[in-house]
Amino acid sequence: MIAAVIPARTGTVRPDRTRERATAVNQLLLAAATLVACGLVVVLGGVSDADLLFTGVLLVFALTVAALVVPWNRVHPAWVALIPIGDLVAIYMLQIADPASELWLLWLVPATWLATVGGWRGLVIGAGGSSLLFWTALLFSDDLPNRVHIYLGPIAIVTAAVIAFVGARRAAAQRALLDEQAEYLDHAVERARRQEDAVSELLDAVDFGVVRIGADGSISIENDANARLTAVGEGGQMFGPDGVTPIEPGMTPAARARRGETFENELSWIGPPGESRRALQSTARRLLDVDGADAGAILVTRDVTAEQTAVHMRDELVASVSHELRTPLTSVLGHLDLALDGGDVGPQARRSLEIAERNASRLLVIIGDILAATADGPGRFDVRPVREDLSAVVVASVEALEPRAAARNIVVDTSGIEPVHADIDPIRIRQVVDNLVGNAVKYHTGDGLIEVGVTSDDKHAWLVVRDDGPGIPEDALPHLFERRYRGATARAPGNGLGLTISRDLVRAHGGEITVQSEPGSGATFVVRLPLRRSGVQA
């Protein structure tokens, strides 16, 4: 029969030599005990039948040699019982050789051995056979012991055998349970290893970097894309969003994520300015375990070089077109001024020329704003405040946008507009109002209401534009005033610069613009402007 094998935890297999070791150890112990006991009998008391004693000892040692030599794991388990059965016979010889020496106590070893390895049959053979041999040996004794001794010996042997049998059954049950648990753990480990391999293959297949950071800041998982994207090379440097400001090693996205910081779409540049540099966008999120405790973080890095290059090219195109438009517009304004200065212009023509000049001036300002908004860094706007009625500017903007609102069955309520005089640049504030009211009309679903109000307190003028449209998604609110930002739900055409320009214009006046919105409940934009500014023309 082929030797039994068991799987090792390392994935290899090794032969199971348990039966061989147990047989050898049990027999060696009995042989040692027999040698000591017989030695004591010979030295201390003398032997009744030395030849029979020697034969018994010789049989014990012959069985010991067999226990050590025979490959018991390759034979049927029942054959192992021959060794303790032979020991019963050998001890019987020893007991007959000197009945008064109490060598029958050695029967405890083979009796318990048989009960351990042979189950019920081993218990019967070990306990019953030992007891029978015990009583048989008494027949050869000249001096019969007392009645207590006649029964006490078998009782001791049977008790020891039963205890061994129960212990062996309990140990077998525990071993079976442990084997079942070990098999379950082996399957769980193998399943986890397969899942880990699948996740590793998946992470290595994507083109964005993924890093799993432990709660102690150590990196436990890093895919190939992250190592490739974040490699700065010899003498390399990482730069900030502007591509010029160097980032210190302790302030890189990876270092910040390992310290526990969270951020989203953090832009950085790898390498000095040039065609070979890369733009990376990093996002760090904290992870929680099932108990809500900090379990580390996940850092995701994308290569956005192509996107940033496209944005830069677009800005260059917008700037180039805007510069090209400025020249003819300046010429148009110049000729309009000359025409208006002429004395032969009739009233109707003069009115038309003034309208053309006013709109050309507005268009020139808008082009300048586009140039400022698309340039690197925050927009720079030329604001020339004068003492003006803010309500008049707002009413003029609303009147211009009312036809577009009426076409969509949107009512613009201006009942909340109060006369407020403040130091403002009328053209710039008109841009802000046009943008806010125009957005309210553009993004409304139709058949609704837009409320426009103007009021003031002791120090500030307040402009409020409120609509009952679809509202703004919660995740879009923090980015609403960013340059070129357009929400995922935005369907109307636009370039994402309107609110950025409006915010910069309001801030150029010394004010601020805020927004409040809930999805499905509309949006409310509030513009705060100071009533007075030093050095303003009356």
Protein backbone atom coordinates (compact mmCIF):
# COMPACT_ATOMS: atom_id res chain seq x y z
CA MET A 1 0.00 0.00 0.00
CA ILE A 2 1.26 3.48 -0.80
CA ALA A 3 2.29 5.49 2.26
CA ALA A 4 -0.17 8.11 3.38
CA VAL A 5 0.78 11.70 2.71
CA ILE A 6 -0.56 14.96 4.10
CA PRO A 7 -0.29 18.45 2.53
CA ALA A 8 2.19 20.75 4.20
CA ARG A 9 1.16 24.36 4.86
CA THR A 10 3.80 25.52 2.40
CA GLY A 11 2.04 23.77 -0.47
CA THR A 12 4.38 20.70 -0.61
CA VAL A 13 3.59 17.17 0.67
CA ARG A 14 5.41 14.99 3.16
CA PRO A 15 4.89 11.35 4.25
CA ASP A 16 2.84 10.69 7.38
CA ARG A 17 5.07 8.68 9.75
CA THR A 18 2.83 9.04 12.81
CA ARG A 19 2.08 5.31 13.15
CA GLU A 20 5.75 4.36 12.87
CA ARG A 21 6.80 6.88 15.51
CA ALA A 22 4.00 5.92 17.93
CA THR A 23 4.80 2.19 17.62
CA ALA A 24 8.50 2.77 18.16
CA VAL A 25 8.02 5.08 21.16
CA ASN A 26 5.52 2.78 22.92
CA GLN A 27 7.66 -0.30 22.45
CA LEU A 28 10.86 1.47 23.49
CA LEU A 29 9.18 2.62 26.71
CA LEU A 30 8.00 -0.92 27.46
CA ALA A 31 11.44 -2.32 26.70
CA ALA A 32 13.08 0.18 29.03
CA ALA A 33 10.57 -0.55 31.80
CA THR A 34 11.04 -4.31 31.31
CA LEU A 35 14.81 -4.01 31.47
CA VAL A 36 14.72 -1.99 34.68
CA ALA A 37 12.09 -4.20 36.35
CA CYS A 38 13.84 -7.45 35.47
CA GLY A 39 17.16 -6.01 36.60
CA LEU A 40 15.69 -5.16 39.96
CA VAL A 41 14.18 -8.64 40.29
CA VAL A 42 17.52 -10.27 39.52
CA VAL A 43 19.52 -8.03 41.84
CA LEU A 44 17.16 -7.81 44.79
CA GLY A 45 15.14 -10.95 45.03
CA GLY A 46 16.39 -13.75 42.91
CA VAL A 47 14.53 -15.46 40.09
CA SER A 48 12.46 -18.60 40.24
CA ASP A 49 12.93 -19.51 36.57
CA ALA A 50 15.85 -17.61 35.00
CA ASP A 51 15.46 -19.27 31.58
CA LEU A 52 11.83 -18.25 31.26
CA LEU A 53 12.66 -14.72 32.44
CA PHE A 54 15.41 -14.46 29.88
CA THR A 55 13.03 -15.76 27.16
CA GLY A 56 10.45 -13.13 28.06
CA VAL A 57 13.01 -10.33 28.00
CA LEU A 58 14.37 -11.62 24.68
CA LEU A 59 10.85 -11.63 23.19
CA VAL A 60 10.31 -8.03 24.34
CA PHE A 61 13.49 -6.87 22.68
CA ALA A 62 12.71 -8.86 19.52
CA LEU A 63 9.39 -7.08 19.33
CA THR A 64 11.24 -3.78 19.91
CA VAL A 65 13.48 -4.47 16.94
CA ALA A 66 10.42 -5.27 14.84
CA ALA A 67 8.75 -2.04 16.00
CA LEU A 68 11.79 -0.07 14.90
CA VAL A 69 12.43 -1.85 11.58
CA VAL A 70 9.01 -2.55 10.07
CA PRO A 71 7.56 0.41 8.00
CA TRP A 72 4.22 0.37 9.79
CA ASN A 73 2.78 3.19 7.67
CA ARG A 74 2.96 0.92 4.63
CA VAL A 75 1.04 -1.99 6.17
CA HIS A 76 -2.52 -2.28 7.37
CA PRO A 77 -3.08 -0.58 10.76
CA ALA A 78 -4.37 -3.85 12.23
CA TRP A 79 -0.90 -5.41 11.96
CA VAL A 80 0.42 -2.93 14.53
CA ALA A 81 -1.62 -4.77 17.18
CA LEU A 82 0.71 -7.77 16.86
CA ILE A 83 3.41 -5.89 18.79
CA PRO A 84 1.39 -5.25 22.00
CA ILE A 85 -0.19 -8.73 21.74
CA GLY A 86 3.29 -10.18 21.63
CA ASP A 87 4.15 -8.02 24.64
CA LEU A 88 1.23 -9.58 26.55
CA VAL A 89 2.76 -13.01 25.96
CA ALA A 90 6.28 -11.82 26.91
CA ILE A 91 5.05 -10.26 30.17
CA TYR A 92 3.14 -13.48 30.91
CA MET A 93 6.49 -15.33 30.73
CA LEU A 94 8.07 -12.78 33.06
CA GLN A 95 5.24 -13.10 35.56
CA ILE A 96 5.47 -16.91 35.57
CA ALA A 97 9.26 -16.73 35.89
CA ASP A 98 8.87 -14.87 39.20
CA PRO A 99 5.23 -14.65 40.41
CA ALA A 100 6.14 -12.77 43.56
CA SER A 101 7.86 -9.90 41.74
CA GLU A 102 4.64 -8.14 40.62
CA LEU A 103 5.87 -7.93 37.02
CA TRP A 104 2.22 -8.18 35.95
CA LEU A 105 2.12 -4.37 36.28
CA LEU A 106 3.90 -4.24 32.93
CA TRP A 107 0.64 -5.45 31.36
CA LEU A 108 -0.67 -1.90 31.77
CA VAL A 109 1.47 -0.78 28.83
CA PRO A 110 0.26 -3.19 26.11
CA ALA A 111 -3.31 -3.14 27.48
CA THR A 112 -3.57 0.66 27.21
CA TRP A 113 -1.70 0.55 23.90
CA LEU A 114 -4.24 -1.86 22.39
CA ALA A 115 -7.13 0.20 23.76
CA THR A 116 -5.64 3.28 22.16
CA VAL A 117 -4.96 1.94 18.65
CA GLY A 118 -7.53 -0.87 18.34
CA GLY A 119 -10.79 0.74 19.34
CA TRP A 120 -13.39 -1.54 20.97
CA ARG A 121 -11.61 -4.66 19.81
CA GLY A 122 -8.30 -3.41 21.14
CA LEU A 123 -9.96 -2.61 24.48
CA VAL A 124 -11.41 -6.12 24.75
CA ILE A 125 -8.16 -7.79 23.69
CA GLY A 126 -5.96 -5.61 25.87
CA ALA A 127 -8.09 -5.55 29.03
CA GLY A 128 -9.58 -9.02 28.67
CA GLY A 129 -6.40 -10.70 27.50
CA SER A 130 -4.32 -9.13 30.29
CA SER A 131 -6.87 -10.14 32.93
CA LEU A 132 -7.04 -13.69 31.60
CA LEU A 133 -3.28 -14.02 31.52
CA PHE A 134 -3.12 -12.52 35.04
CA TRP A 135 -5.40 -15.21 36.41
CA THR A 136 -3.66 -17.94 34.41
CA ALA A 137 -0.32 -16.87 35.86
CA LEU A 138 -1.75 -17.27 39.37
CA LEU A 139 -2.23 -20.99 38.70
CA PHE A 140 1.54 -21.41 38.43
CA SER A 141 2.13 -19.62 41.72
CA ASP A 142 2.88 -21.72 44.76
CA ASP A 143 1.54 -19.09 47.16
CA LEU A 144 -1.88 -17.81 46.15
CA PRO A 145 -2.34 -14.12 47.03
CA ASN A 146 -5.32 -12.90 48.99
CA ARG A 147 -8.67 -12.45 47.33
CA VAL A 148 -8.26 -8.68 47.04
CA HIS A 149 -5.10 -9.12 44.99
CA ILE A 150 -6.84 -11.62 42.69
CA TYR A 151 -9.40 -9.03 41.64
CA LEU A 152 -7.40 -5.84 42.14
CA GLY A 153 -4.89 -6.59 39.38
CA PRO A 154 -7.45 -7.07 36.58
CA ILE A 155 -9.47 -4.11 37.86
CA ALA A 156 -6.38 -1.88 37.62
CA ILE A 157 -5.56 -3.16 34.13
CA VAL A 158 -9.16 -2.78 32.89
CA THR A 159 -9.43 0.71 34.41
CA ALA A 160 -6.23 1.86 32.76
CA ALA A 161 -7.32 0.38 29.43
CA VAL A 162 -10.73 2.09 29.61
CA ILE A 163 -9.15 5.43 30.49
CA ALA A 164 -6.76 5.04 27.57
CA PHE A 165 -9.63 4.08 25.27
CA VAL A 166 -11.73 7.11 26.27
CA GLY A 167 -8.74 9.41 25.97
CA ALA A 168 -7.91 8.01 22.54
CA ARG A 169 -11.52 8.50 21.34
CA ARG A 170 -11.52 12.05 22.64
CA ALA A 171 -8.15 12.76 21.05
CA ALA A 172 -9.36 11.25 17.77
CA ALA A 173 -12.45 13.47 17.83
CA GLN A 174 -10.34 16.53 18.54
CA ARG A 175 -7.89 15.53 15.83
CA ALA A 176 -10.74 15.09 13.36
CA LEU A 177 -12.08 18.52 14.32
CA LEU A 178 -8.63 20.06 13.96
CA ASP A 179 -8.17 18.36 10.58
CA GLU A 180 -11.53 19.72 9.46
CA GLN A 181 -10.61 23.22 10.64
CA ALA A 182 -7.19 22.93 9.02
CA GLU A 183 -8.80 21.88 5.75
CA TYR A 184 -11.23 24.78 5.99
CA LEU A 185 -8.35 27.18 6.67
CA ASP A 186 -6.41 25.72 3.76
CA HIS A 187 -9.38 26.33 1.48
CA ALA A 188 -9.83 29.84 2.90
CA VAL A 189 -6.15 30.64 2.40
CA GLU A 190 -6.23 29.28 -1.12
CA ARG A 191 -9.39 31.24 -1.90
CA ALA A 192 -7.84 34.41 -0.44
CA ARG A 193 -4.67 33.79 -2.46
CA ARG A 194 -6.69 33.41 -5.66
CA GLN A 195 -8.65 36.57 -4.87
CA GLU A 196 -5.42 38.43 -4.11
CA ASP A 197 -3.92 37.26 -7.39
CA ALA A 198 -7.06 38.36 -9.26
CA VAL A 199 -7.03 41.78 -7.59
CA SER A 200 -3.30 42.17 -8.29
CA GLU A 201 -3.80 41.25 -11.95
CA LEU A 202 -6.71 43.67 -12.19
CA LEU A 203 -4.79 46.52 -10.55
CA ASP A 204 -1.77 45.91 -12.77
CA ALA A 205 -4.02 45.95 -15.85
CA VAL A 206 -5.44 49.46 -15.30
CA ASP A 207 -3.63 52.57 -16.48
CA PHE A 208 -4.07 54.60 -13.27
CA GLY A 209 -2.06 54.24 -10.09
CA VAL A 210 -3.55 52.67 -6.97
CA VAL A 211 -1.86 52.60 -3.55
CA ARG A 212 -3.33 50.98 -0.42
CA ILE A 213 -1.96 52.67 2.70
CA GLY A 214 -2.27 51.06 6.14
CA ALA A 215 -3.40 52.85 9.29
CA ASP A 216 0.25 53.18 10.34
CA GLY A 217 1.21 54.83 7.04
CA SER A 218 2.83 51.76 5.53
CA ILE A 219 2.15 50.85 1.89
CA SER A 220 0.56 47.41 1.57
CA ILE A 221 -0.49 47.41 -2.09
CA GLU A 222 0.93 49.34 -5.04
CA ASN A 223 0.18 48.51 -8.66
CA ASP A 224 2.64 48.77 -11.54
CA ALA A 225 0.94 51.86 -12.99
CA ASN A 226 1.54 53.88 -9.82
CA ALA A 227 5.24 53.03 -9.74
CA ARG A 228 5.50 54.00 -13.40
CA LEU A 229 3.53 57.25 -13.11
CA THR A 230 5.19 58.60 -9.95
CA ALA A 231 8.76 57.75 -10.92
CA VAL A 232 10.59 61.10 -10.98
CA GLY A 233 13.87 59.70 -12.23
CA GLU A 234 17.38 60.81 -11.29
CA GLY A 235 17.44 64.50 -10.41
CA GLY A 236 13.69 64.75 -11.07
CA GLN A 237 11.35 67.11 -9.28
CA MET A 238 7.64 67.34 -8.58
CA PHE A 239 5.90 70.68 -9.12
CA GLY A 240 2.60 72.14 -7.97
CA PRO A 241 -0.54 72.82 -10.01
CA ASP A 242 1.06 75.83 -11.69
CA GLY A 243 3.87 73.62 -12.98
CA VAL A 244 6.51 75.99 -11.62
CA THR A 245 6.46 75.84 -7.80
CA PRO A 246 8.53 72.86 -6.54
CA ILE A 247 6.88 70.47 -4.09
CA GLU A 248 8.94 69.45 -1.08
CA PRO A 249 9.34 65.66 -0.58
CA GLY A 250 7.18 65.78 2.54
CA MET A 251 4.33 67.54 0.68
CA THR A 252 3.88 65.15 -2.24
CA PRO A 253 0.43 63.55 -2.60
CA ALA A 254 1.79 60.18 -1.42
CA ALA A 255 3.40 61.70 1.69
CA ARG A 256 0.25 63.66 2.53
CA ALA A 257 -1.93 60.56 2.13
CA ARG A 258 0.38 58.56 4.42
CA ARG A 259 0.01 61.29 7.06
CA GLY A 260 -3.77 60.88 6.96
CA GLU A 261 -4.73 63.85 4.76
CA THR A 262 -7.59 63.58 2.28
CA PHE A 263 -7.85 65.51 -0.98
CA GLU A 264 -9.47 65.21 -4.38
CA ASN A 265 -8.14 65.82 -7.90
CA GLU A 266 -4.88 67.31 -6.62
CA LEU A 267 -2.86 68.37 -9.70
CA SER A 268 0.92 68.02 -9.77
CA TRP A 269 3.63 67.87 -12.41
CA ILE A 270 6.49 65.42 -12.68
CA GLY A 271 9.66 66.80 -14.20
CA PRO A 272 10.77 70.31 -15.23
CA PRO A 273 8.88 72.32 -17.89
CA GLY A 274 9.19 70.67 -21.27
CA GLU A 275 7.55 68.18 -23.56
CA SER A 276 8.54 65.13 -21.48
CA ARG A 277 6.91 66.20 -18.19
CA ARG A 278 3.76 64.51 -16.93
CA ALA A 279 0.66 65.92 -15.23
CA LEU A 280 -0.83 63.78 -12.45
CA GLN A 281 -4.16 64.12 -10.69
CA SER A 282 -4.29 62.46 -7.25
CA THR A 283 -7.20 61.66 -4.93
CA ALA A 284 -6.83 60.32 -1.36
CA ARG A 285 -9.72 58.85 0.63
CA ARG A 286 -9.66 57.42 4.16
CA LEU A 287 -10.91 53.87 4.79
CA LEU A 288 -12.86 52.58 7.79
CA ASP A 289 -13.13 49.02 9.08
CA VAL A 290 -16.35 47.29 10.18
CA ASP A 291 -16.09 48.94 13.61
CA GLY A 292 -15.70 52.43 12.15
CA ALA A 293 -12.02 52.69 13.10
CA ASP A 294 -9.40 54.14 10.78
CA ALA A 295 -8.14 51.41 8.44
CA GLY A 296 -5.79 53.50 6.32
CA ALA A 297 -6.32 55.19 2.98
CA ILE A 298 -6.48 54.61 -0.75
CA LEU A 299 -4.55 56.87 -3.14
CA VAL A 300 -5.54 56.98 -6.81
CA THR A 301 -3.34 58.76 -9.37
CA ARG A 302 -4.26 59.48 -13.00
CA ASP A 303 -2.13 60.72 -15.86
CA VAL A 304 -3.89 63.87 -17.12
CA THR A 305 -1.07 65.17 -19.30
CA ALA A 306 -3.20 64.97 -22.45
CA GLU A 307 -6.10 66.77 -20.75
CA GLN A 308 -3.87 69.54 -19.40
CA THR A 309 -2.22 69.92 -22.80
CA ALA A 310 -5.63 70.21 -24.45
CA VAL A 311 -6.76 72.82 -21.89
CA HIS A 312 -3.56 74.79 -22.46
CA MET A 313 -4.04 74.67 -26.22
CA ARG A 314 -7.65 75.77 -25.84
CA ASP A 315 -6.65 78.70 -23.64
CA GLU A 316 -4.01 79.69 -26.15
CA LEU A 317 -6.62 79.53 -28.92
CA VAL A 318 -9.10 81.62 -26.91
CA ALA A 319 -6.42 84.15 -26.07
CA SER A 320 -5.29 84.33 -29.70
CA VAL A 321 -8.84 84.79 -30.99
CA SER A 322 -9.59 87.36 -28.31
CA HIS A 323 -6.49 89.34 -29.20
CA GLU A 324 -7.46 89.22 -32.86
CA LEU A 325 -10.98 90.47 -32.04
CA ARG A 326 -9.71 93.38 -29.96
CA THR A 327 -8.07 95.13 -32.91
CA PRO A 328 -11.16 95.41 -35.16
CA LEU A 329 -13.37 96.26 -32.18
CA THR A 330 -11.06 99.07 -31.19
CA SER A 331 -11.25 100.34 -34.77
CA VAL A 332 -15.06 100.07 -34.74
CA LEU A 333 -15.25 102.06 -31.50
CA GLY A 334 -12.94 104.69 -32.91
CA HIS A 335 -15.06 105.21 -36.00
CA LEU A 336 -18.23 105.24 -33.92
CA ASP A 337 -16.74 108.00 -31.76
CA LEU A 338 -15.84 109.97 -34.90
CA ALA A 339 -19.35 109.52 -36.25
CA LEU A 340 -20.92 110.65 -32.99
CA ASP A 341 -18.65 113.68 -32.83
CA GLY A 342 -19.87 114.81 -36.25
CA GLY A 343 -22.56 117.45 -36.27
CA ASP A 344 -24.49 116.14 -39.27
CA VAL A 345 -25.85 113.02 -37.50
CA GLY A 346 -29.63 112.97 -37.06
CA PRO A 347 -31.35 112.04 -33.80
CA GLN A 348 -32.39 108.58 -34.93
CA ALA A 349 -28.98 107.76 -36.38
CA ARG A 350 -27.26 109.10 -33.26
CA ARG A 351 -29.39 106.82 -31.08
CA SER A 352 -28.46 103.82 -33.22
CA LEU A 353 -24.77 104.77 -33.13
CA GLU A 354 -24.87 105.16 -29.34
CA ILE A 355 -26.42 101.70 -28.99
CA ALA A 356 -23.74 100.26 -31.29
CA GLU A 357 -20.98 101.98 -29.33
CA ARG A 358 -22.35 100.80 -26.01
CA ASN A 359 -22.58 97.19 -27.12
CA ALA A 360 -19.19 97.31 -28.80
CA SER A 361 -17.74 98.60 -25.54
CA ARG A 362 -19.40 95.77 -23.66
CA LEU A 363 -18.04 93.25 -26.15
CA LEU A 364 -14.54 94.66 -25.73
CA VAL A 365 -14.86 94.33 -21.94
CA ILE A 366 -16.08 90.74 -22.26
CA ILE A 367 -13.14 89.85 -24.47
CA GLY A 368 -10.81 91.30 -21.87
CA ASP A 369 -12.56 89.24 -19.20
CA ILE A 370 -12.15 86.06 -21.22
CA LEU A 371 -8.45 86.80 -21.58
CA ALA A 372 -8.13 87.37 -17.85
CA ALA A 373 -10.13 84.25 -16.95
CA THR A 374 -8.17 81.92 -19.26
CA ALA A 375 -4.77 83.24 -18.18
CA ASP A 376 -2.75 81.42 -15.52
CA GLY A 377 -3.74 82.50 -12.03
CA PRO A 378 -6.86 84.39 -10.96
CA GLY A 379 -8.42 86.86 -13.39
CA ARG A 380 -7.44 90.52 -13.24
CA PHE A 381 -10.30 92.90 -13.99
CA ASP A 382 -10.32 96.64 -14.47
CA VAL A 383 -13.09 97.98 -12.18
CA ARG A 384 -13.99 101.70 -12.22
CA PRO A 385 -16.67 102.27 -9.57
CA VAL A 386 -18.94 105.31 -9.60
CA ARG A 387 -21.94 106.28 -7.49
CA GLU A 388 -24.78 104.46 -9.21
CA ASP A 389 -28.27 103.10 -8.50
CA LEU A 390 -27.81 99.33 -8.33
CA SER A 391 -31.50 98.71 -8.85
CA ALA A 392 -31.41 100.46 -12.24
CA VAL A 393 -28.61 98.19 -13.43
CA VAL A 394 -30.48 95.09 -12.24
CA VAL A 395 -33.79 96.21 -13.84
CA ALA A 396 -32.05 96.86 -17.17
CA SER A 397 -30.53 93.37 -17.12
CA VAL A 398 -33.85 91.73 -16.23
CA GLU A 399 -35.68 93.62 -19.01
CA ALA A 400 -33.13 92.40 -21.54
CA LEU A 401 -33.54 88.76 -20.42
CA GLU A 402 -37.32 88.76 -20.00
CA PRO A 403 -38.04 87.70 -23.63
CA ARG A 404 -35.90 84.57 -23.19
CA ALA A 405 -37.67 83.78 -19.91
CA ALA A 406 -41.13 84.35 -21.40
CA ALA A 407 -40.34 81.96 -24.26
CA ARG A 408 -40.01 79.21 -21.65
CA ASN A 409 -42.98 80.29 -19.53
CA ILE A 410 -40.72 81.55 -16.74
CA VAL A 411 -41.90 84.55 -14.74
CA VAL A 412 -39.22 86.96 -13.46
CA ASP A 413 -40.46 88.62 -10.27
CA THR A 414 -38.79 92.02 -9.62
CA SER A 415 -41.06 93.16 -6.81
CA GLY A 416 -38.21 92.76 -4.34
CA ILE A 417 -35.95 95.34 -6.05
CA GLU A 418 -35.42 98.44 -3.89
CA PRO A 419 -33.49 101.60 -4.88
CA VAL A 420 -29.95 101.25 -3.55
CA HIS A 421 -27.10 103.63 -4.38
CA ALA A 422 -23.64 102.11 -4.13
CA ASP A 423 -20.11 102.59 -5.47
CA ILE A 424 -20.11 100.14 -8.38
CA ASP A 425 -18.89 99.79 -11.94
CA PRO A 426 -22.25 99.59 -13.80
CA ILE A 427 -20.83 97.70 -16.78
CA ARG A 428 -19.13 95.11 -14.57
CA ILE A 429 -22.13 94.63 -12.27
CA ARG A 430 -24.34 94.33 -15.35
CA GLN A 431 -22.14 91.38 -16.40
CA VAL A 432 -22.71 89.77 -13.02
CA VAL A 433 -26.49 90.25 -13.13
CA ASP A 434 -26.67 89.06 -16.76
CA ASN A 435 -24.75 85.93 -15.79
CA LEU A 436 -26.79 85.08 -12.69
CA VAL A 437 -30.22 85.76 -14.19
CA GLY A 438 -29.17 84.25 -17.53
CA ASN A 439 -28.05 81.04 -15.80
CA ALA A 440 -31.32 80.89 -13.89
CA VAL A 441 -33.22 81.07 -17.17
CA LYS A 442 -30.84 78.75 -19.07
CA TYR A 443 -30.79 75.90 -16.55
CA HIS A 444 -34.45 76.12 -15.53
CA THR A 445 -36.72 73.32 -16.69
CA GLY A 446 -39.42 75.84 -17.68
CA ASP A 447 -42.83 76.88 -16.32
CA GLY A 448 -41.41 78.35 -13.14
CA LEU A 449 -40.45 81.47 -11.24
CA ILE A 450 -37.26 83.51 -10.84
CA GLU A 451 -37.15 86.11 -8.07
CA VAL A 452 -34.68 89.00 -8.25
CA GLY A 453 -34.27 91.30 -5.27
CA VAL A 454 -32.07 94.25 -4.26
CA THR A 455 -31.83 95.65 -0.74
CA SER A 456 -29.27 97.16 1.61
CA ASP A 457 -28.22 97.59 5.20
CA ASP A 458 -25.90 100.13 6.83
CA LYS A 459 -22.77 98.95 5.04
CA HIS A 460 -23.66 96.67 2.17
CA ALA A 461 -25.91 96.31 -0.82
CA TRP A 462 -27.44 92.88 -1.40
CA LEU A 463 -28.46 91.32 -4.69
CA VAL A 464 -30.44 88.06 -4.54
CA VAL A 465 -31.34 85.80 -7.50
CA ARG A 466 -33.56 82.86 -6.53
CA ASP A 467 -35.19 80.26 -8.81
CA ASP A 468 -37.37 77.17 -8.33
CA GLY A 469 -35.53 75.11 -10.92
CA PRO A 470 -33.85 71.69 -10.54
CA GLY A 471 -31.16 72.99 -8.18
CA ILE A 472 -27.45 72.18 -8.08
CA PRO A 473 -26.07 68.74 -7.10
CA GLU A 474 -24.39 68.69 -3.71
CA ASP A 475 -21.08 67.42 -5.09
CA ALA A 476 -20.96 70.32 -7.60
CA LEU A 477 -21.37 73.15 -5.07
CA PRO A 478 -17.71 73.26 -3.91
CA HIS A 479 -16.51 73.53 -7.53
CA LEU A 480 -19.16 75.89 -8.90
CA PHE A 481 -16.88 78.93 -9.11
CA GLU A 482 -13.83 77.09 -10.43
CA ARG A 483 -12.56 78.00 -13.86
CA ARG A 484 -13.93 75.85 -16.69
CA TYR A 485 -15.99 73.75 -14.29
CA ARG A 486 -19.20 72.33 -15.67
CA GLY A 487 -21.32 69.95 -13.66
CA ALA A 488 -22.04 66.44 -14.88
CA THR A 489 -25.75 67.33 -15.30
CA ALA A 490 -25.12 70.55 -17.25
CA ARG A 491 -26.77 70.23 -20.67
CA ALA A 492 -26.83 73.85 -21.82
CA PRO A 493 -23.84 75.09 -23.86
CA GLY A 494 -21.14 77.06 -22.05
CA ASN A 495 -17.45 77.28 -21.33
CA GLY A 496 -17.53 77.19 -17.52
CA LEU A 497 -16.16 80.76 -17.16
CA GLY A 498 -19.31 82.76 -16.36
CA LEU A 499 -19.47 82.21 -12.62
CA THR A 500 -15.69 82.47 -12.31
CA ILE A 501 -15.74 85.90 -13.98
CA SER A 502 -18.73 86.97 -11.85
CA ARG A 503 -16.98 85.96 -8.63
CA ASP A 504 -13.78 87.81 -9.60
CA LEU A 505 -15.77 90.90 -10.58
CA VAL A 506 -17.64 90.94 -7.26
CA ARG A 507 -14.40 90.44 -5.35
CA ALA A 508 -12.82 93.26 -7.35
CA HIS A 509 -15.59 95.47 -5.91
CA GLY A 510 -14.68 94.31 -2.39
CA GLY A 511 -17.69 92.02 -2.12
CA GLU A 512 -18.49 88.33 -2.21
CA ILE A 513 -20.87 85.96 -3.96
CA THR A 514 -22.33 82.80 -2.37
CA VAL A 515 -24.77 80.09 -3.39
CA GLN A 516 -27.22 77.84 -1.58
CA SER A 517 -29.04 74.98 -3.25
CA GLU A 518 -30.72 71.66 -2.72
CA PRO A 519 -31.49 69.25 -5.58
CA GLY A 520 -35.10 69.72 -6.67
CA SER A 521 -35.55 72.95 -4.69
CA GLY A 522 -33.83 75.51 -6.90
CA ALA A 523 -30.78 77.67 -6.18
CA THR A 524 -30.20 81.03 -4.50
CA PHE A 525 -27.25 83.28 -5.38
CA VAL A 526 -26.46 86.16 -3.00
CA VAL A 527 -24.13 89.02 -3.97
CA ARG A 528 -22.81 91.32 -1.25
CA LEU A 529 -21.31 94.68 -2.31
CA PRO A 530 -19.97 97.52 -0.14
CA LEU A 531 -22.05 100.71 -0.32
CA ARG A 532 -19.04 103.03 -0.32
CA ARG A 533 -15.45 102.87 -1.50
CA SER A 534 -12.80 105.56 -1.11
CA GLY A 535 -11.81 107.60 -4.16
CA VAL A 536 -15.06 107.04 -6.05
CA GLN A 537 -16.41 109.62 -8.47
CA ALA A 538 -19.73 111.15 -7.39
